[in-house]
């Protein structure tokens, strides 16, 4: 898995089977696993910057697209938090080995926390994938998290609770709502199943234990994930080594050169 060329990991059975696009470059530990945001892909500015830095530093790095995103198969409207979590775990099992730093952006921040919780519930050592999936070396474990504008519980806290009665009614009757996007000419299609299934994965109602250091970067001018949301998350990570960095003029993407430098510095701590 050292050439960073496009590969596909097939997961699911029958009608649920889909090919997940992966780019994995080999290198030293701790390796890096990128979890992108809602409607983002692994060719985005931050993901590419991470891969470029990893290549320069000789660090292993894995990127992938969730189903319905980028180069992966599947319809975006079939996506749910649970579905994308399963894909994240499958890529982790198949392509990561040894110590790993998981970097999650926006929705990827939520998925990173859910993934760590799922891994901590497994009896060690974590089971290896079947032969032929590209994994070599020791079983992988998460040694640190870097979360960029983490949209934890966003389907409930940042979507459903903010929706007007008219939007909620449209979701109930039509099953989908076209949400205008500041980042694309095409609207985001928010589905009723995304909202309803997301309730199975909410984290902010209790304490969150990752068992590893956590670094959070959050823009104060973020219109999608308010900075107070990051503060609330930080308060739920009471047992971990957590550093929250608020970027006073930062937006949701945190993709300016100075933002990229800041998040790479956070990754380089590990």
Protein backbone atom coordinates (compact mmCIF):
# COMPACT_ATOMS: atom_id res chain seq x y z
CA UNK A 1 0.00 0.00 0.00
CA UNK A 2 2.89 2.34 -0.63
CA UNK A 3 2.20 3.87 -4.05
CA UNK A 4 -0.75 6.17 -3.22
CA UNK A 5 -2.57 5.04 -6.38
CA UNK A 6 -6.35 4.73 -6.37
CA UNK A 7 -7.62 1.46 -4.91
CA UNK A 8 -11.09 0.20 -4.09
CA UNK A 9 -12.21 -1.59 -0.94
CA UNK A 10 -15.45 -3.51 -1.44
CA UNK A 11 -17.71 -3.67 1.59
CA UNK A 12 -21.30 -4.69 2.24
CA UNK A 13 -23.35 -7.55 0.82
CA UNK A 14 -25.82 -7.86 -2.04
CA UNK A 15 -27.59 -4.55 -2.70
CA UNK A 16 -25.48 -2.88 0.02
CA UNK A 17 -22.18 -3.78 -1.63
CA UNK A 18 -20.18 -0.73 -2.70
CA UNK A 19 -16.61 0.11 -3.68
CA UNK A 20 -14.87 2.63 -1.43
CA UNK A 21 -12.12 4.65 -3.10
CA UNK A 22 -8.87 4.69 -1.09
CA UNK A 23 -5.44 6.25 -1.49
CA UNK A 24 -2.86 4.79 0.90
CA UNK A 25 0.79 5.77 0.96
CA UNK A 26 3.30 3.86 3.02
CA UNK A 27 5.68 5.33 5.58
CA UNK A 28 6.67 5.56 9.19
CA UNK A 29 4.43 5.45 12.24
CA UNK A 30 2.39 6.98 13.56
CA UNK A 31 0.37 6.76 10.39
CA UNK A 32 -2.33 9.26 9.46
CA UNK A 33 -5.95 8.54 8.60
CA UNK A 34 -8.04 11.33 7.08
CA UNK A 35 -11.81 11.46 7.68
CA UNK A 36 -13.43 14.12 5.51
CA UNK A 37 -16.56 16.16 5.93
CA UNK A 38 -20.14 15.94 4.72
CA UNK A 39 -20.12 16.24 0.91
CA UNK A 40 -16.29 16.56 0.87
CA UNK A 41 -13.79 14.21 -0.75
CA UNK A 42 -10.18 13.13 -0.34
CA UNK A 43 -8.94 15.53 -3.03
CA UNK A 44 -9.92 18.55 -0.94
CA UNK A 45 -7.41 21.19 0.11
CA UNK A 46 -6.80 19.94 3.65
CA UNK A 47 -6.73 16.26 2.72
CA UNK A 48 -4.23 16.87 -0.07
CA UNK A 49 -2.09 19.10 2.16
CA UNK A 50 -1.97 16.32 4.77
CA UNK A 51 -0.94 13.72 2.16
CA UNK A 52 1.74 16.05 0.78
CA UNK A 53 3.16 16.70 4.25
CA UNK A 54 3.11 12.98 5.06
CA UNK A 55 5.03 12.24 1.84
CA UNK A 56 7.68 14.83 2.69
CA UNK A 57 8.02 13.51 6.23
CA UNK A 58 7.97 9.84 5.24
CA UNK A 59 4.79 9.17 7.22
CA UNK A 60 2.12 6.66 6.27
CA UNK A 61 -1.17 8.29 5.22
CA UNK A 62 -4.58 6.92 4.24
CA UNK A 63 -7.38 8.89 2.62
CA UNK A 64 -10.72 7.66 1.30
CA UNK A 65 -14.14 8.79 0.12
CA UNK A 66 -17.32 7.74 1.88
CA UNK A 67 -19.95 6.10 -0.31
CA UNK A 68 -21.78 8.72 -2.33
CA UNK A 69 -18.73 10.99 -2.15
CA UNK A 70 -15.87 11.62 -4.56
CA UNK A 71 -14.68 8.50 -6.38
CA UNK A 72 -16.56 5.96 -4.27
CA UNK A 73 -19.67 4.12 -5.38
CA UNK A 74 -23.13 4.63 -3.98
CA UNK A 75 -25.78 7.32 -3.86
CA UNK A 76 -25.22 10.24 -1.51
CA UNK A 77 -28.86 10.05 -0.43
CA UNK A 78 -28.32 6.49 0.84
CA UNK A 79 -25.74 7.80 3.29
CA UNK A 80 -26.17 7.78 7.05
CA UNK A 81 -23.79 8.27 9.96
CA UNK A 82 -23.84 4.54 10.67
CA UNK A 83 -23.13 3.64 7.05
CA UNK A 84 -20.19 6.06 6.82
CA UNK A 85 -18.92 4.89 10.21
CA UNK A 86 -18.89 1.28 8.99
CA UNK A 87 -16.89 2.38 5.95
CA UNK A 88 -14.41 4.29 8.12
CA UNK A 89 -13.83 1.23 10.29
CA UNK A 90 -13.45 -1.00 7.23
CA UNK A 91 -10.77 1.28 5.76
CA UNK A 92 -9.02 1.51 9.14
CA UNK A 93 -8.96 -2.28 9.44
CA UNK A 94 -7.81 -2.85 5.87
CA UNK A 95 -5.17 -0.16 5.42
CA UNK A 96 -3.88 1.08 8.78
CA UNK A 97 -1.24 -0.62 10.89
CA UNK A 98 0.44 0.28 14.15
CA UNK A 99 -0.07 3.65 15.81
CA UNK A 100 -2.47 5.97 13.99
CA UNK A 101 -3.39 9.63 14.23
CA UNK A 102 -6.94 10.15 13.02
CA UNK A 103 -7.69 13.57 11.54
CA UNK A 104 -11.39 14.36 11.23
CA UNK A 105 -12.82 17.44 9.53
CA UNK A 106 -16.39 18.59 10.26
CA UNK A 107 -18.53 15.42 10.02
CA UNK A 108 -15.25 13.51 10.03
CA UNK A 109 -14.65 14.79 13.56
CA UNK A 110 -17.85 13.11 14.72
CA UNK A 111 -16.97 9.92 12.84
CA UNK A 112 -13.48 9.94 14.37
CA UNK A 113 -14.93 9.95 17.88
CA UNK A 114 -17.44 7.24 16.98
CA UNK A 115 -14.69 5.16 15.41
CA UNK A 116 -12.50 5.39 18.51
CA UNK A 117 -15.45 4.37 20.68
CA UNK A 118 -16.13 1.36 18.44
CA UNK A 119 -12.47 0.33 18.49
CA UNK A 120 -12.28 0.64 22.28
CA UNK A 121 -15.21 -1.76 22.56
CA UNK A 122 -13.35 -4.46 20.66
CA UNK A 123 -11.35 -7.02 22.59
CA UNK A 124 -7.64 -6.42 21.90
CA UNK A 125 -5.85 -7.17 19.73
CA UNK A 126 -8.19 -5.78 17.09
CA UNK A 127 -9.01 -8.45 14.48
CA UNK A 128 -7.14 -8.19 11.21
CA UNK A 129 -9.02 -8.05 7.90
CA UNK A 130 -9.12 -11.00 5.56
CA UNK A 131 -6.16 -11.62 3.30
CA UNK A 132 -5.99 -9.63 0.11
CA UNK A 133 -7.31 -6.36 1.54
CA UNK A 134 -3.92 -4.63 1.52
CA UNK A 135 -3.15 -4.62 5.25
CA UNK A 136 0.34 -5.47 6.49
CA UNK A 137 2.04 -5.17 9.85
CA UNK A 138 0.75 -4.89 13.39
CA UNK A 139 -2.89 -4.30 14.30
CA UNK A 140 -3.74 -0.61 14.21
CA UNK A 141 -4.65 1.50 17.23
CA UNK A 142 -5.50 5.17 17.61
CA UNK A 143 -2.77 7.17 19.37
CA UNK A 144 -4.20 10.66 18.85
CA UNK A 145 -7.02 12.69 17.32
CA UNK A 146 -6.92 16.01 15.46
CA UNK A 147 -10.43 17.39 14.95
CA UNK A 148 -11.08 20.36 12.65
CA UNK A 149 -14.41 22.15 13.24
CA UNK A 150 -15.84 18.87 14.56
CA UNK A 151 -19.54 18.64 13.74
CA UNK A 152 -20.41 16.21 16.51
CA UNK A 153 -24.14 15.32 16.60
CA UNK A 154 -24.69 17.71 13.68
CA UNK A 155 -27.75 15.89 12.33
CA UNK A 156 -29.61 16.67 15.54
CA UNK A 157 -27.97 19.76 17.07
CA UNK A 158 -26.99 21.67 13.93
CA UNK A 159 -29.68 20.48 11.55
CA UNK A 160 -32.92 19.18 13.07
CA UNK A 161 -33.06 21.58 16.02
CA UNK A 162 -32.43 24.53 13.70
CA UNK A 163 -34.86 23.53 10.98
CA UNK A 164 -38.05 25.54 10.60
CA UNK A 165 -41.41 23.79 10.92
CA UNK A 166 -41.74 23.99 7.12
CA UNK A 167 -38.44 22.17 6.56
CA UNK A 168 -39.34 19.50 9.11
CA UNK A 169 -42.68 19.02 7.40
CA UNK A 170 -40.99 18.64 4.01
CA UNK A 171 -38.66 16.01 5.42
CA UNK A 172 -41.57 14.14 6.97
CA UNK A 173 -43.65 14.15 3.80
CA UNK A 174 -41.04 13.96 1.01
CA UNK A 175 -38.19 12.26 2.85
CA UNK A 176 -35.64 14.76 1.53
CA UNK A 177 -34.92 18.49 1.63
CA UNK A 178 -32.60 20.39 -0.72
CA UNK A 179 -30.46 22.53 1.55
CA UNK A 180 -28.72 25.48 -0.17
CA UNK A 181 -24.93 25.33 0.14
CA UNK A 182 -22.43 28.15 0.55
CA UNK A 183 -19.74 25.87 -0.85
CA UNK A 184 -21.37 24.57 -4.04
CA UNK A 185 -23.87 25.62 -6.69
CA UNK A 186 -25.66 22.34 -6.03
CA UNK A 187 -27.76 22.04 -2.86
CA UNK A 188 -27.12 19.37 -0.25
CA UNK A 189 -29.85 16.74 -0.20
CA UNK A 190 -30.67 16.14 3.45
CA UNK A 191 -32.71 12.97 3.96
CA UNK A 192 -35.07 11.96 6.71
CA UNK A 193 -33.10 8.75 7.22
CA UNK A 194 -29.89 10.76 7.77
CA UNK A 195 -31.60 12.64 10.61
CA UNK A 196 -33.36 9.64 12.12
CA UNK A 197 -30.42 7.22 11.90
CA UNK A 198 -28.09 9.89 13.28
CA UNK A 199 -29.96 9.68 16.60
CA UNK A 200 -28.36 6.27 17.14
CA UNK A 201 -24.92 7.89 17.34
CA UNK A 202 -25.30 11.02 19.47
CA UNK A 203 -22.39 11.73 21.82
CA UNK A 204 -22.98 15.04 23.57
CA UNK A 205 -25.47 13.65 26.08
CA UNK A 206 -22.69 12.13 28.17
CA UNK A 207 -18.94 11.95 28.72
CA UNK A 208 -16.69 10.91 25.84
CA UNK A 209 -13.57 8.83 26.53
CA UNK A 210 -11.06 8.42 23.72
CA UNK A 211 -8.07 7.16 25.68
CA UNK A 212 -5.73 9.37 23.65
CA UNK A 213 -4.70 13.03 23.25
CA UNK A 214 -7.15 15.22 21.32
CA UNK A 215 -6.40 18.47 19.48
CA UNK A 216 -9.36 20.57 18.28
CA UNK A 217 -9.16 23.51 15.88
CA UNK A 218 -12.26 25.69 15.54
CA UNK A 219 -12.99 28.91 13.68
CA UNK A 220 -14.85 31.56 15.68
CA UNK A 221 -16.46 32.85 12.46
CA UNK A 222 -17.69 29.38 11.48
CA UNK A 223 -21.36 29.71 10.35
CA UNK A 224 -21.96 25.94 10.28
CA UNK A 225 -20.38 24.71 13.51
CA UNK A 226 -20.52 27.45 16.17
CA UNK A 227 -17.40 27.76 18.29
CA UNK A 228 -19.50 27.12 21.40
CA UNK A 229 -20.25 23.68 19.96
CA UNK A 230 -16.51 22.93 20.12
CA UNK A 231 -16.39 24.21 23.70
CA UNK A 232 -19.27 21.89 24.60
CA UNK A 233 -17.42 18.97 23.02
CA UNK A 234 -14.27 19.85 24.94
CA UNK A 235 -16.22 19.76 28.22
CA UNK A 236 -17.33 16.20 27.38
CA UNK A 237 -13.70 15.06 26.99
CA UNK A 238 -12.88 15.56 30.66
CA UNK A 239 -10.65 12.50 31.02
CA UNK A 240 -8.42 13.12 28.01
CA UNK A 241 -5.49 15.41 27.20
CA UNK A 242 -7.40 17.99 25.16
CA UNK A 243 -6.28 21.28 23.62
CA UNK A 244 -8.88 23.50 21.94
CA UNK A 245 -7.54 26.19 19.61
CA UNK A 246 -10.00 28.92 18.62
CA UNK A 247 -9.08 30.75 15.41
CA UNK A 248 -10.58 34.21 15.83
CA UNK A 249 -11.10 34.95 12.12
CA UNK A 250 -11.45 31.33 11.01
CA UNK A 251 -14.40 30.04 8.99
CA UNK A 252 -15.73 26.48 8.72
CA UNK A 253 -13.30 25.24 6.12
CA UNK A 254 -10.09 26.44 7.82
CA UNK A 255 -8.37 25.99 4.46
CA UNK A 256 -6.33 29.19 4.22
CA UNK A 257 -2.53 28.72 4.14
CA UNK A 258 -2.25 29.80 7.76
CA UNK A 259 -5.02 27.38 8.74
CA UNK A 260 -3.34 24.51 6.91
CA UNK A 261 -0.07 25.31 8.67
CA UNK A 262 -1.84 25.35 12.02
CA UNK A 263 -3.50 21.97 11.57
CA UNK A 264 -0.31 20.38 10.21
CA UNK A 265 1.49 21.61 13.34
CA UNK A 266 -1.17 19.88 15.43
CA UNK A 267 -0.62 16.63 13.53
CA UNK A 268 3.15 16.98 13.83
CA UNK A 269 2.86 17.00 17.64
CA UNK A 270 2.34 13.25 17.51
